[in-house]
C-alpha atoms as a PDB file:
ATOM      1  CA  MET A   1       5.375  -2.029 -17.540  1.00  0.00           C
ATOM      2  CA  GLU A   2       6.242  -4.415 -19.780  1.00  0.00           C
ATOM      3  CA  VAL A   3       3.676  -7.134 -20.595  1.00  0.00           C
ATOM      4  CA  ALA A   4       5.635  -9.783 -20.310  1.00  0.00           C
ATOM      5  CA  LYS A   5       6.520  -8.959 -16.614  1.00  0.00           C
ATOM      6  CA  LEU A   6       2.984  -9.904 -15.784  1.00  0.00           C
ATOM      7  CA  ALA A   7       3.384 -13.394 -16.260  1.00  0.00           C
ATOM      8  CA  VAL A   8       5.622 -13.309 -12.909  1.00  0.00           C
ATOM      9  CA  PHE A   9       2.177 -13.486 -11.281  1.00  0.00           C
ATOM     10  CA  THR A  10       0.320 -16.021 -13.192  1.00  0.00           C
ATOM     11  CA  GLU A  11       2.964 -18.637 -12.500  1.00  0.00           C
ATOM     12  CA  SER A  12       1.996 -18.831  -8.634  1.00  0.00           C
ATOM     13  CA  ALA A  13       0.255 -21.717  -7.729  1.00  0.00           C
ATOM     14  CA  ASP A  14      -2.218 -19.859  -5.646  1.00  0.00           C
ATOM     15  CA  PHE A  15      -3.010 -17.574  -8.760  1.00  0.00           C
ATOM     16  CA  CYS A  16      -4.088 -20.663 -10.740  1.00  0.00           C
ATOM     17  CA  LYS A  17      -6.024 -22.027  -7.945  1.00  0.00           C
ATOM     18  CA  GLU A  18      -7.648 -19.410  -6.868  1.00  0.00           C
ATOM     19  CA  LEU A  19      -8.901 -18.443 -10.335  1.00  0.00           C
ATOM     20  CA  GLN A  20      -8.834 -21.994 -11.599  1.00  0.00           C
ATOM     21  CA  ILE A  21      -6.605 -21.808 -14.495  1.00  0.00           C
ATOM     22  CA  PRO A  22      -4.530 -24.626 -15.427  1.00  0.00           C
ATOM     23  CA  HIS A  23      -0.770 -24.586 -14.620  1.00  0.00           C
ATOM     24  CA  LYS A  24       0.290 -24.834 -18.319  1.00  0.00           C
ATOM     25  CA  HIS A  25      -1.579 -21.890 -19.976  1.00  0.00           C
ATOM     26  CA  ASN A  26      -0.690 -18.719 -21.948  1.00  0.00           C
ATOM     27  CA  LEU A  27      -2.506 -15.907 -20.808  1.00  0.00           C
ATOM     28  CA  VAL A  28      -2.326 -13.046 -23.252  1.00  0.00           C
ATOM     29  CA  PHE A  29      -2.704  -9.231 -21.855  1.00  0.00           C
ATOM     30  CA  SER A  30      -3.707  -6.373 -23.479  1.00  0.00           C
ATOM     31  CA  PHE A  31      -3.308  -2.712 -22.209  1.00  0.00           C
ATOM     32  CA  LEU A  32      -6.439  -1.318 -20.728  1.00  0.00           C
ATOM     33  CA  GLY A  33      -5.803   1.823 -19.230  1.00  0.00           C
ATOM     34  CA  GLN A  34      -3.886   3.440 -16.510  1.00  0.00           C
ATOM     35  CA  GLY A  35      -4.136   6.084 -13.886  1.00  0.00           C
ATOM     36  CA  GLU A  36      -1.623   8.316 -12.018  1.00  0.00           C
ATOM     37  CA  TYR A  37      -1.055   5.193  -9.903  1.00  0.00           C
ATOM     38  CA  ASN A  38      -2.011   2.106 -11.523  1.00  0.00           C
ATOM     39  CA  ILE A  39      -1.857   0.274 -14.546  1.00  0.00           C
ATOM     40  CA  ASN A  40      -4.638  -1.727 -15.825  1.00  0.00           C
ATOM     41  CA  TYR A  41      -4.557  -4.915 -18.285  1.00  0.00           C
ATOM     42  CA  THR A  42      -7.334  -7.583 -19.810  1.00  0.00           C
ATOM     43  CA  PHE A  43      -6.984 -11.233 -20.364  1.00  0.00           C
ATOM     44  CA  ASP A  44      -9.139 -13.862 -21.104  1.00  0.00           C
ATOM     45  CA  HIS A  45      -9.884 -16.857 -18.894  1.00  0.00           C
ATOM     46  CA  PRO A  46      -8.762 -19.957 -20.789  1.00  0.00           C
ATOM     47  CA  ILE A  47     -11.527 -22.107 -19.165  1.00  0.00           C
ATOM     48  CA  SER A  48     -14.509 -19.890 -18.833  1.00  0.00           C
ATOM     49  CA  GLY A  49     -13.272 -17.682 -21.766  1.00  0.00           C
ATOM     50  CA  LYS A  50     -14.555 -14.579 -19.556  1.00  0.00           C
ATOM     51  CA  LYS A  51     -12.607 -11.229 -19.888  1.00  0.00           C
ATOM     52  CA  LEU A  52     -11.094 -10.515 -16.787  1.00  0.00           C
ATOM     53  CA  VAL A  53      -8.965  -7.324 -15.518  1.00  0.00           C
ATOM     54  CA  MET A  54      -5.551  -7.350 -14.031  1.00  0.00           C
ATOM     55  CA  ARG A  55      -4.556  -4.238 -11.857  1.00  0.00           C
ATOM     56  CA  ILE A  56      -1.230  -3.183 -10.810  1.00  0.00           C
ATOM     57  CA  THR A  57      -0.550  -0.418  -8.169  1.00  0.00           C
ATOM     58  CA  THR A  58       2.311   1.778  -8.495  1.00  0.00           C
ATOM     59  CA  GLY A  59       1.786   3.916  -5.498  1.00  0.00           C
ATOM     60  CA  SER A  60      -1.017   4.987  -2.847  1.00  0.00           C
ATOM     61  CA  GLN A  61      -2.883   8.412  -3.084  1.00  0.00           C
ATOM     62  CA  MET A  62      -4.212   7.560   0.377  1.00  0.00           C
ATOM     63  CA  HIS A  63      -0.227   7.071   1.612  1.00  0.00           C
ATOM     64  CA  LEU A  64      -1.376   3.237   2.536  1.00  0.00           C
ATOM     65  CA  SER A  65       1.122   0.538   3.273  1.00  0.00           C
ATOM     66  CA  ASN A  66      -0.920  -1.984   1.385  1.00  0.00           C
ATOM     67  CA  GLN A  67      -3.093  -0.002  -1.112  1.00  0.00           C
ATOM     68  CA  ILE A  68      -4.147  -3.187  -3.442  1.00  0.00           C
ATOM     69  CA  ARG A  69      -5.395  -4.987  -0.368  1.00  0.00           C
ATOM     70  CA  TYR A  70      -7.437  -1.778   0.653  1.00  0.00           C
ATOM     71  CA  GLU A  71      -9.076  -1.679  -2.692  1.00  0.00           C
ATOM     72  CA  TYR A  72      -9.682  -5.692  -2.936  1.00  0.00           C
ATOM     73  CA  GLU A  73     -11.757  -5.275   0.458  1.00  0.00           C
ATOM     74  CA  ALA A  74     -13.485  -2.277  -0.571  1.00  0.00           C
ATOM     75  CA  LEU A  75     -14.802  -4.368  -3.897  1.00  0.00           C
ATOM     76  CA  LYS A  76     -15.670  -7.203  -1.567  1.00  0.00           C
ATOM     77  CA  LEU A  77     -17.908  -5.249   0.477  1.00  0.00           C
ATOM     78  CA  LEU A  78     -19.560  -3.901  -2.626  1.00  0.00           C
ATOM     79  CA  ALA A  79     -19.665  -7.535  -4.498  1.00  0.00           C
ATOM     80  CA  ASP A  80     -23.487  -7.681  -4.333  1.00  0.00           C
ATOM     81  CA  THR A  81     -24.452  -4.553  -5.642  1.00  0.00           C
ATOM     82  CA  GLY A  82     -24.378  -5.363  -8.936  1.00  0.00           C
ATOM     83  CA  ARG A  83     -23.063  -1.913 -10.004  1.00  0.00           C
ATOM     84  CA  THR A  84     -18.988  -2.767  -9.163  1.00  0.00           C
ATOM     85  CA  PRO A  85     -16.433  -5.445 -10.518  1.00  0.00           C
ATOM     86  CA  LYS A  86     -16.391  -8.275  -8.405  1.00  0.00           C
ATOM     87  CA  PRO A  87     -12.663  -8.924  -7.123  1.00  0.00           C
ATOM     88  CA  LEU A  88     -11.339 -12.342  -7.712  1.00  0.00           C
ATOM     89  CA  TYR A  89      -7.820 -12.382  -6.843  1.00  0.00           C
ATOM     90  CA  VAL A  90      -5.369 -10.421  -4.742  1.00  0.00           C
ATOM     91  CA  ASP A  91      -1.383 -10.488  -4.333  1.00  0.00           C
ATOM     92  CA  ASP A  92       0.114  -7.922  -2.126  1.00  0.00           C
ATOM     93  CA  ARG A  93       3.183  -9.943  -1.321  1.00  0.00           C
ATOM     94  CA  CYS A  94       5.137  -8.007  -4.055  1.00  0.00           C
ATOM     95  CA  GLU A  95       7.551 -11.091  -4.349  1.00  0.00           C
ATOM     96  CA  TYR A  96       7.705 -10.995  -8.010  1.00  0.00           C
ATOM     97  CA  ILE A  97       7.566  -7.282  -8.844  1.00  0.00           C
ATOM     98  CA  PRO A  98       7.143  -4.317  -6.241  1.00  0.00           C
ATOM     99  CA  TYR A  99       3.739  -3.980  -7.040  1.00  0.00           C
ATOM    100  CA  GLY A 100       0.522  -5.236  -5.567  1.00  0.00           C
ATOM    101  CA  MET A 101      -2.010  -6.743  -8.029  1.00  0.00           C
ATOM    102  CA  LEU A 102      -5.690  -7.693  -7.986  1.00  0.00           C
ATOM    103  CA  VAL A 103      -8.203  -9.478 -10.373  1.00  0.00           C
ATOM    104  CA  MET A 104     -11.303  -8.431 -11.187  1.00  0.00           C
ATOM    105  CA  GLU A 105     -14.036  -9.163 -13.710  1.00  0.00           C
ATOM    106  CA  PHE A 106     -14.434  -7.101 -16.572  1.00  0.00           C
ATOM    107  CA  LEU A 107     -17.467  -4.974 -17.063  1.00  0.00           C
ATOM    108  CA  PRO A 108     -18.811  -3.307 -20.393  1.00  0.00           C
ATOM    109  CA  GLY A 109     -19.710   0.066 -21.173  1.00  0.00           C
ATOM    110  CA  GLN A 110     -19.003   3.420 -22.359  1.00  0.00           C
ATOM    111  CA  PRO A 111     -18.279   6.398 -20.290  1.00  0.00           C
ATOM    112  CA  LEU A 112     -20.541   8.656 -18.740  1.00  0.00           C
ATOM    113  CA  ASP A 113     -21.840  11.374 -21.396  1.00  0.00           C
ATOM    114  CA  TYR A 114     -23.037  14.690 -18.678  1.00  0.00           C
ATOM    115  CA  ASN A 115     -25.653  15.469 -21.533  1.00  0.00           C
ATOM    116  CA  GLU A 116     -27.128  12.031 -21.936  1.00  0.00           C
ATOM    117  CA  ASN A 117     -26.477   9.931 -18.642  1.00  0.00           C
ATOM    118  CA  LEU A 118     -26.912  12.155 -15.771  1.00  0.00           C
ATOM    119  CA  GLN A 119     -30.117  10.188 -14.660  1.00  0.00           C
ATOM    120  CA  GLU A 120     -28.230   6.769 -15.048  1.00  0.00           C
ATOM    121  CA  ALA A 121     -25.630   8.091 -13.102  1.00  0.00           C
ATOM    122  CA  ALA A 122     -27.541   9.195 -10.296  1.00  0.00           C
ATOM    123  CA  ALA A 123     -29.459   5.859  -9.980  1.00  0.00           C
ATOM    124  CA  CYS A 124     -25.937   3.811  -9.846  1.00  0.00           C
ATOM    125  CA  LEU A 125     -24.422   5.918  -7.345  1.00  0.00           C
ATOM    126  CA  ALA A 126     -27.695   6.091  -5.057  1.00  0.00           C
ATOM    127  CA  GLU A 127     -27.771   2.447  -5.024  1.00  0.00           C
ATOM    128  CA  ILE A 128     -24.249   2.145  -4.218  1.00  0.00           C
ATOM    129  CA  HIS A 129     -24.572   4.686  -1.476  1.00  0.00           C
ATOM    130  CA  ASN A 130     -27.643   2.240  -0.237  1.00  0.00           C
ATOM    131  CA  THR A 131     -25.472  -0.624   0.165  1.00  0.00           C
ATOM    132  CA  LYS A 132     -25.293  -1.749   3.968  1.00  0.00           C
ATOM    133  CA  ILE A 133     -21.747  -1.444   5.417  1.00  0.00           C
ATOM    134  CA  PRO A 134     -21.076  -3.405   8.829  1.00  0.00           C
ATOM    135  CA  LEU A 135     -19.835  -0.736  11.221  1.00  0.00           C
ATOM    136  CA  LYS A 136     -16.561  -2.803  11.880  1.00  0.00           C
ATOM    137  CA  ASN A 137     -14.939  -2.420   8.252  1.00  0.00           C
ATOM    138  CA  HIS A 138     -11.698  -1.699   6.987  1.00  0.00           C
ATOM    139  CA  LEU A 139     -12.525   1.524   5.404  1.00  0.00           C
ATOM    140  CA  ILE A 140     -10.749   4.839   6.529  1.00  0.00           C
ATOM    141  CA  ALA A 141     -13.727   6.992   8.122  1.00  0.00           C
ATOM    142  CA  PRO A 142     -12.686  10.760   8.941  1.00  0.00           C
ATOM    143  CA  GLU A 143     -14.220  12.339  12.040  1.00  0.00           C
ATOM    144  CA  ASN A 144     -14.924  15.422   9.833  1.00  0.00           C
ATOM    145  CA  PRO A 145     -14.522  14.697   6.013  1.00  0.00           C
ATOM    146  CA  LEU A 146     -14.798  18.222   5.351  1.00  0.00           C
ATOM    147  CA  LYS A 147     -12.049  19.441   7.538  1.00  0.00           C
ATOM    148  CA  ALA A 148     -10.043  16.179   6.001  1.00  0.00           C
ATOM    149  CA  MET A 149     -10.509  17.264   2.883  1.00  0.00           C
ATOM    150  CA  LEU A 150      -9.252  20.847   3.448  1.00  0.00           C
ATOM    151  CA  ASP A 151      -5.941  18.986   5.207  1.00  0.00           C
ATOM    152  CA  GLU A 152      -5.050  17.215   2.492  1.00  0.00           C
ATOM    153  CA  SER A 153      -5.591  19.774   0.095  1.00  0.00           C
ATOM    154  CA  LYS A 154      -2.976  21.985   2.285  1.00  0.00           C
ATOM    155  CA  GLN A 155      -0.585  18.951   2.323  1.00  0.00           C
ATOM    156  CA  LEU A 156      -1.143  18.920  -1.880  1.00  0.00           C
ATOM    157  CA  ALA A 157      -0.609  22.634  -2.218  1.00  0.00           C
ATOM    158  CA  LYS A 158       2.462  22.939  -0.037  1.00  0.00           C
ATOM    159  CA  VAL A 159       4.144  20.760  -2.574  1.00  0.00           C
ATOM    160  CA  TYR A 160       3.704  23.469  -4.896  1.00  0.00           C
ATOM    161  CA  ILE A 161       3.947  26.189  -2.801  1.00  0.00           C
ATOM    162  CA  ASP A 162       7.263  25.395  -1.460  1.00  0.00           C
ATOM    163  CA  SER A 163       8.719  24.379  -4.677  1.00  0.00           C
ATOM    164  CA  GLU A 164      10.918  27.054  -6.523  1.00  0.00           C
ATOM    165  CA  LEU A 165       9.230  25.569  -9.797  1.00  0.00           C
ATOM    166  CA  GLY A 166       5.603  26.636  -9.258  1.00  0.00           C
ATOM    167  CA  ASP A 167       4.453  30.263 -10.792  1.00  0.00           C
ATOM    168  CA  ASN A 168       4.335  32.807  -8.064  1.00  0.00           C
ATOM    169  CA  ALA A 169       0.896  34.086  -9.302  1.00  0.00           C
ATOM    170  CA  VAL A 170      -0.604  30.608  -9.240  1.00  0.00           C
ATOM    171  CA  LYS A 171       0.649  30.506  -5.540  1.00  0.00           C
ATOM    172  CA  GLU A 172      -1.192  33.230  -4.661  1.00  0.00           C
ATOM    173  CA  LYS A 173      -4.589  32.147  -6.186  1.00  0.00           C
ATOM    174  CA  ILE A 174      -4.368  28.720  -4.218  1.00  0.00           C
ATOM    175  CA  ARG A 175      -3.648  30.629  -1.218  1.00  0.00           C
ATOM    176  CA  LYS A 176      -6.664  32.511  -1.759  1.00  0.00           C
ATOM    177  CA  LEU A 177      -8.609  29.170  -2.400  1.00  0.00           C
ATOM    178  CA  ILE A 178      -7.248  27.951   1.004  1.00  0.00           C
ATOM    179  CA  ALA A 179      -8.529  30.815   2.988  1.00  0.00           C
ATOM    180  CA  ILE A 180     -11.911  30.812   1.440  1.00  0.00           C
ATOM    181  CA  SER A 181     -12.279  26.845   2.262  1.00  0.00           C
ATOM    182  CA  ASN A 182     -11.274  27.649   6.072  1.00  0.00           C
ATOM    183  CA  ARG A 183     -13.955  30.502   6.306  1.00  0.00           C
ATOM    184  CA  ILE A 184     -16.204  27.404   4.578  1.00  0.00           C
ATOM    185  CA  ILE A 185     -15.040  25.024   7.440  1.00  0.00           C
ATOM    186  CA  ASP A 186     -15.506  27.445  10.212  1.00  0.00           C
ATOM    187  CA  SER A 187     -19.050  28.729   9.209  1.00  0.00           C
ATOM    188  CA  LYS A 188     -20.559  25.554   8.190  1.00  0.00           C
ATOM    189  CA  PRO A 189     -22.126  23.187  10.887  1.00  0.00           C
ATOM    190  CA  ARG A 190     -21.729  19.326  10.844  1.00  0.00           C
ATOM    191  CA  VAL A 191     -24.685  17.297   9.732  1.00  0.00           C
ATOM    192  CA  ASP A 192     -23.971  13.749  10.846  1.00  0.00           C
ATOM    193  CA  ASN A 193     -26.375  11.614   8.514  1.00  0.00           C
ATOM    194  CA  ARG A 194     -25.620   7.789   8.090  1.00  0.00           C
ATOM    195  CA  ARG A 195     -22.068   7.068   6.772  1.00  0.00           C
ATOM    196  CA  CYS A 196     -21.942   4.721   3.541  1.00  0.00           C
ATOM    197  CA  ILE A 197     -19.242   3.838   1.239  1.00  0.00           C
ATOM    198  CA  ILE A 198     -18.163   6.516  -1.056  1.00  0.00           C
ATOM    199  CA  ASN A 199     -16.075   6.348  -4.155  1.00  0.00           C
ATOM    200  CA  THR A 200     -14.851   9.879  -4.303  1.00  0.00           C
ATOM    201  CA  GLU A 201     -13.026   9.774  -7.679  1.00  0.00           C
ATOM    202  CA  LEU A 202     -16.387   9.976  -9.722  1.00  0.00           C
ATOM    203  CA  ASN A 203     -15.183  11.204 -13.030  1.00  0.00           C
ATOM    204  CA  SER A 204     -17.030  10.347 -16.273  1.00  0.00           C
ATOM    205  CA  GLY A 205     -14.520   7.718 -17.163  1.00  0.00           C
ATOM    206  CA  ASN A 206     -14.938   5.456 -14.082  1.00  0.00           C
ATOM    207  CA  PHE A 207     -18.951   5.156 -14.834  1.00  0.00           C
ATOM    208  CA  LEU A 208     -19.616   2.674 -17.511  1.00  0.00           C
ATOM    209  CA  ILE A 209     -23.080   3.382 -19.203  1.00  0.00           C
ATOM    210  CA  ASN A 210     -24.754   0.602 -21.457  1.00  0.00           C
ATOM    211  CA  GLY A 211     -28.035   2.236 -22.452  1.00  0.00           C
ATOM    212  CA  LYS A 212     -31.555   1.719 -21.406  1.00  0.00           C
ATOM    213  CA  GLY A 213     -32.294  -1.238 -19.501  1.00  0.00           C
ATOM    214  CA  LYS A 214     -29.309  -2.277 -18.986  1.00  0.00           C
ATOM    215  CA  PRO A 215     -27.010  -2.373 -15.895  1.00  0.00           C
ATOM    216  CA  ASN A 216     -24.433   0.781 -15.648  1.00  0.00           C
ATOM    217  CA  TYR A 217     -21.433   0.234 -13.363  1.00  0.00           C
ATOM    218  CA  LEU A 218     -18.909   2.356 -11.109  1.00  0.00           C
ATOM    219  CA  ILE A 219     -15.342   1.134 -11.402  1.00  0.00           C
ATOM    220  CA  ASP A 220     -11.994   2.515 -10.110  1.00  0.00           C
ATOM    221  CA  TRP A 221     -12.284   1.875  -6.236  1.00  0.00           C
ATOM    222  CA  GLU A 222      -8.652   3.420  -5.481  1.00  0.00           C
ATOM    223  CA  LYS A 223      -9.721   5.601  -2.850  1.00  0.00           C
ATOM    224  CA  PRO A 224     -13.240   4.476  -1.200  1.00  0.00           C
ATOM    225  CA  LEU A 225     -14.118   5.980   2.508  1.00  0.00           C
ATOM    226  CA  TYR A 226     -16.595   5.229   4.787  1.00  0.00           C
ATOM    227  CA  ALA A 227     -18.296   8.857   5.005  1.00  0.00           C
ATOM    228  CA  PHE A 228     -21.234  10.688   3.753  1.00  0.00           C
ATOM    229  CA  ALA A 229     -23.130  10.759   0.393  1.00  0.00           C
ATOM    230  CA  GLU A 230     -22.746  14.443  -0.073  1.00  0.00           C
ATOM    231  CA  GLN A 231     -18.753  14.275  -0.688  1.00  0.00           C
ATOM    232  CA  ASP A 232     -19.396  12.004  -3.610  1.00  0.00           C
ATOM    233  CA  LEU A 233     -22.408  14.186  -5.059  1.00  0.00           C
ATOM    234  CA  GLY A 234     -20.058  17.269  -4.567  1.00  0.00           C
ATOM    235  CA  HIS A 235     -17.040  15.556  -6.306  1.00  0.00           C
ATOM    236  CA  PHE A 236     -19.303  14.246  -9.076  1.00  0.00           C
ATOM    237  CA  LEU A 237     -20.871  17.851  -9.649  1.00  0.00           C
ATOM    238  CA  ALA A 238     -17.488  19.833  -9.398  1.00  0.00           C
ATOM    239  CA  PRO A 239     -15.933  21.460 -12.491  1.00  0.00           C
ATOM    240  CA  THR A 240     -12.536  20.187 -11.567  1.00  0.00           C
ATOM    241  CA  THR A 241     -14.070  16.739 -12.072  1.00  0.00           C
ATOM    242  CA  THR A 242     -16.564  17.018 -15.172  1.00  0.00           C
ATOM    243  CA  ASN A 243     -13.819  18.929 -17.168  1.00  0.00           C
ATOM    244  CA  TRP A 244     -11.302  16.320 -16.094  1.00  0.00           C
ATOM    245  CA  ARG A 245     -11.959  13.606 -19.135  1.00  0.00           C
ATOM    246  CA  THR A 246     -14.360  16.031 -21.089  1.00  0.00           C
ATOM    247  CA  GLU A 247     -14.736  19.896 -21.878  1.00  0.00           C
ATOM    248  CA  THR A 248     -18.137  19.707 -19.806  1.00  0.00           C
ATOM    249  CA  ILE A 249     -18.772  22.236 -16.849  1.00  0.00           C
ATOM    250  CA  LEU A 250     -22.387  21.595 -15.511  1.00  0.00           C
ATOM    251  CA  SER A 251     -25.254  24.592 -15.299  1.00  0.00           C
ATOM    252  CA  LYS A 252     -26.751  24.734 -11.948  1.00  0.00           C
ATOM    253  CA  GLU A 253     -30.074  23.491 -13.563  1.00  0.00           C
ATOM    254  CA  GLN A 254     -28.215  20.186 -14.523  1.00  0.00           C
ATOM    255  CA  MET A 255     -26.621  19.845 -10.996  1.00  0.00           C
ATOM    256  CA  TYR A 256     -29.834  20.274  -9.172  1.00  0.00           C
ATOM    257  CA  ALA A 257     -31.935  18.177 -11.713  1.00  0.00           C
ATOM    258  CA  PHE A 258     -29.192  15.443 -10.738  1.00  0.00           C
ATOM    259  CA  ILE A 259     -29.447  15.812  -6.839  1.00  0.00           C
ATOM    260  CA  LYS A 260     -33.580  15.623  -7.532  1.00  0.00           C
ATOM    261  CA  THR A 261     -33.148  11.907  -9.474  1.00  0.00           C
ATOM    262  CA  TYR A 262     -30.429  11.028  -6.660  1.00  0.00           C
ATOM    263  CA  CYS A 263     -33.101  11.519  -3.998  1.00  0.00           C
ATOM    264  CA  SER A 264     -35.725   9.440  -5.996  1.00  0.00           C
ATOM    265  CA  PHE A 265     -33.363   6.451  -5.651  1.00  0.00           C
ATOM    266  CA  SER A 266     -31.881   7.115  -2.220  1.00  0.00           C
ATOM    267  CA  GLU A 267     -32.992   5.534   0.792  1.00  0.00           C
ATOM    268  CA  GLN A 268     -31.615   8.261   3.094  1.00  0.00           C
ATOM    269  CA  HIS A 269     -31.954  11.502   1.019  1.00  0.00           C
ATOM    270  CA  LYS A 270     -35.405  12.449   0.002  1.00  0.00           C
ATOM    271  CA  ASN A 271     -35.438  16.251   0.277  1.00  0.00           C
ATOM    272  CA  PRO A 272     -33.444  18.022  -2.754  1.00  0.00           C
ATOM    273  CA  ASP A 273     -33.279  21.139  -1.358  1.00  0.00           C
ATOM    274  CA  GLN A 274     -31.758  19.967   1.762  1.00  0.00           C
ATOM    275  CA  LEU A 275     -29.271  17.650   0.147  1.00  0.00           C
ATOM    276  CA  TRP A 276     -28.403  20.412  -2.219  1.00  0.00           C
ATOM    277  CA  GLU A 277     -27.393  22.853   0.766  1.00  0.00           C
ATOM    278  CA  SER A 278     -25.226  20.244   2.455  1.00  0.00           C
ATOM    279  CA  MET A 279     -23.906  19.094  -0.574  1.00  0.00           C
ATOM    280  CA  LEU A 280     -22.456  22.519  -1.917  1.00  0.00           C
ATOM    281  CA  SER A 281     -19.497  22.749   0.955  1.00  0.00           C
ATOM    282  CA  TYR A 282     -18.382  19.447  -0.223  1.00  0.00           C
ATOM    283  CA  LEU A 283     -18.447  20.748  -3.879  1.00  0.00           C
ATOM    284  CA  ALA A 284     -16.226  23.580  -2.950  1.00  0.00           C
ATOM    285  CA  MET A 285     -13.791  21.415  -1.337  1.00  0.00           C
ATOM    286  CA  THR A 286     -13.643  19.328  -4.151  1.00  0.00           C
ATOM    287  CA  CYS A 287     -12.793  22.335  -6.386  1.00  0.00           C
ATOM    288  CA  LEU A 288      -9.729  23.157  -3.761  1.00  0.00           C
ATOM    289  CA  ARG A 289      -8.546  19.584  -3.712  1.00  0.00           C
ATOM    290  CA  GLY A 290      -8.486  19.025  -7.656  1.00  0.00           C
ATOM    291  CA  ILE A 291      -6.686  22.407  -7.836  1.00  0.00           C
ATOM    292  CA  SER A 292      -4.244  21.363  -4.912  1.00  0.00           C
ATOM    293  CA  TRP A 293      -3.652  17.663  -6.561  1.00  0.00           C
ATOM    294  CA  SER A 294      -2.851  19.408  -9.924  1.00  0.00           C
ATOM    295  CA  ALA A 295      -0.479  21.581  -8.414  1.00  0.00           C
ATOM    296  CA  MET A 296       1.316  18.927  -6.633  1.00  0.00           C
ATOM    297  CA  ALA A 297       1.026  16.566  -9.770  1.00  0.00           C
ATOM    298  CA  TRP A 298       2.494  19.592 -12.056  1.00  0.00           C
ATOM    299  CA  ILE A 299       5.826  19.179  -9.730  1.00  0.00           C
ATOM    300  CA  GLU A 300       5.947  15.438  -9.773  1.00  0.00           C
ATOM    301  CA  TYR A 301       5.642  15.727 -13.781  1.00  0.00           C
ATOM    302  CA  GLN A 302       8.921  17.883 -13.661  1.00  0.00           C
ATOM    303  CA  ASN A 303      10.595  14.536 -12.748  1.00  0.00           C
ATOM    304  CA  PRO A 304      11.761  13.042 -16.093  1.00  0.00           C
ATOM    305  CA  HIS A 305      11.982   9.756 -14.055  1.00  0.00           C
ATOM    306  CA  LYS A 306       8.295   9.518 -13.221  1.00  0.00           C
ATOM    307  CA  LEU A 307       6.977   6.002 -13.761  1.00  0.00           C
ATOM    308  CA  ILE A 308       3.833   6.916 -15.077  1.00  0.00           C
ATOM    309  CA  GLN A 309       3.617   9.982 -17.600  1.00  0.00           C
ATOM    310  CA  ASN A 310       0.399  10.920 -19.579  1.00  0.00           C
ATOM    311  CA  LYS A 311       0.222  13.655 -21.788  1.00  0.00           C
ATOM    312  CA  TYR A 312      -3.494  14.328 -21.728  1.00  0.00           C
ATOM    313  CA  THR A 313      -3.304  14.731 -17.616  1.00  0.00           C
ATOM    314  CA  PHE A 314      -0.347  17.142 -17.985  1.00  0.00           C
ATOM    315  CA  ASP A 315      -2.284  19.137 -20.472  1.00  0.00           C
ATOM    316  CA  LYS A 316      -5.370  19.246 -18.244  1.00  0.00           C
ATOM    317  CA  ILE A 317      -3.187  20.134 -15.255  1.00  0.00           C
ATOM    318  CA  ASN A 318      -1.837  23.081 -16.955  1.00  0.00           C
ATOM    319  CA  LYS A 319      -5.144  24.408 -17.868  1.00  0.00           C
ATOM    320  CA  TYR A 320      -6.432  24.238 -14.203  1.00  0.00           C
ATOM    321  CA  LEU A 321      -3.598  26.222 -13.152  1.00  0.00           C
ATOM    322  CA  THR A 322      -4.365  29.264 -15.448  1.00  0.00           C
ATOM    323  CA  PRO A 323      -5.608  32.422 -13.849  1.00  0.00           C
ATOM    324  CA  GLU A 324      -8.951  32.298 -16.056  1.00  0.00           C
ATOM    325  CA  PHE A 325      -9.889  28.819 -14.456  1.00  0.00           C
ATOM    326  CA  LEU A 326      -8.634  29.708 -10.948  1.00  0.00           C
ATOM    327  CA  ASP A 327     -10.643  32.844 -10.905  1.00  0.00           C
ATOM    328  CA  MET A 328     -13.838  30.752 -12.143  1.00  0.00           C
ATOM    329  CA  LEU A 329     -13.682  28.636  -9.210  1.00  0.00           C
ATOM    330  CA  ILE A 330     -13.026  31.249  -6.783  1.00  0.00           C
ATOM    331  CA  THR A 331     -16.117  33.279  -7.934  1.00  0.00           C
ATOM    332  CA  ASP A 332     -18.539  30.857  -9.233  1.00  0.00           C
ATOM    333  CA  TYR A 333     -18.027  27.929  -6.580  1.00  0.00           C
ATOM    334  CA  LEU A 334     -16.158  29.277  -3.574  1.00  0.00           C
ATOM    335  CA  GLY A 335     -18.086  32.567  -3.278  1.00  0.00           C
ATOM    336  CA  GLY A 336     -14.769  34.326  -3.169  1.00  0.00           C
ATOM    337  CA  GLN A 337     -14.120  37.833  -4.863  1.00  0.00           C
END
């Protein structure tokens, strides 16, 4: 998106009023980063001098009609945690360009290093999960989150499996992942813990680490749910997550150490062994979801008119769909042979 087009948002009276920006202003936008369905820019407030983030949504992974409002309301629920960016303004009218926009505070920090920052990430995540959320809230709350993950994965995988562009050997391995996941769902008893707000997208780049004695943050609240902490824990530890922005795959010892640290900060989960056992099925389902999404996205990337194209993402998708990576997931994380 051309930076010049962002000025259309800043010309509205309510934008200036809510952010306390003079009508005659000259905001300078700088590209911050992008995901598959969003583009982010920074600008300095002309009065306070504080750096702010403007986030533009170009689509919804959750198939929501108002993705930007969903994110904004989630950040409002988390505003008092001190661990997430405070939302300042939202425009979901799509009057100026056909996308929603929100403005939030800019938070400092470096991406999480899995070899150095697992304790900081565990503390940050536990404190977010400790946040008391009103029973009546806007968040999607799947009745059975594990089954919801499986159902979503099947829909994503179907795009690849049904496409003539997909590789037949990869299709067979995805079908095997789904079959194993079906057995996990059938054999796993439900454990109804207290629900909390979960992020569901816990890659290393979404953590901002600032060193000893300083606050650490979790950003990118594109897909929050009202569900169970185990889903976030499984997502954080899964190789499809740790290997996404880095080349890291955590050992079982590192994973368990993370769970122990998390329990030391958690108000609900105090038994690491018990939490480990209930987390494993979510870790397995996260692996399936990561592969299913990658397969779907691979098909999307074959369209030359796709709005957002990211070479790093496409290269990682191709890695995840190799026989070696798929076999590793089946053997080591889903218990299949």
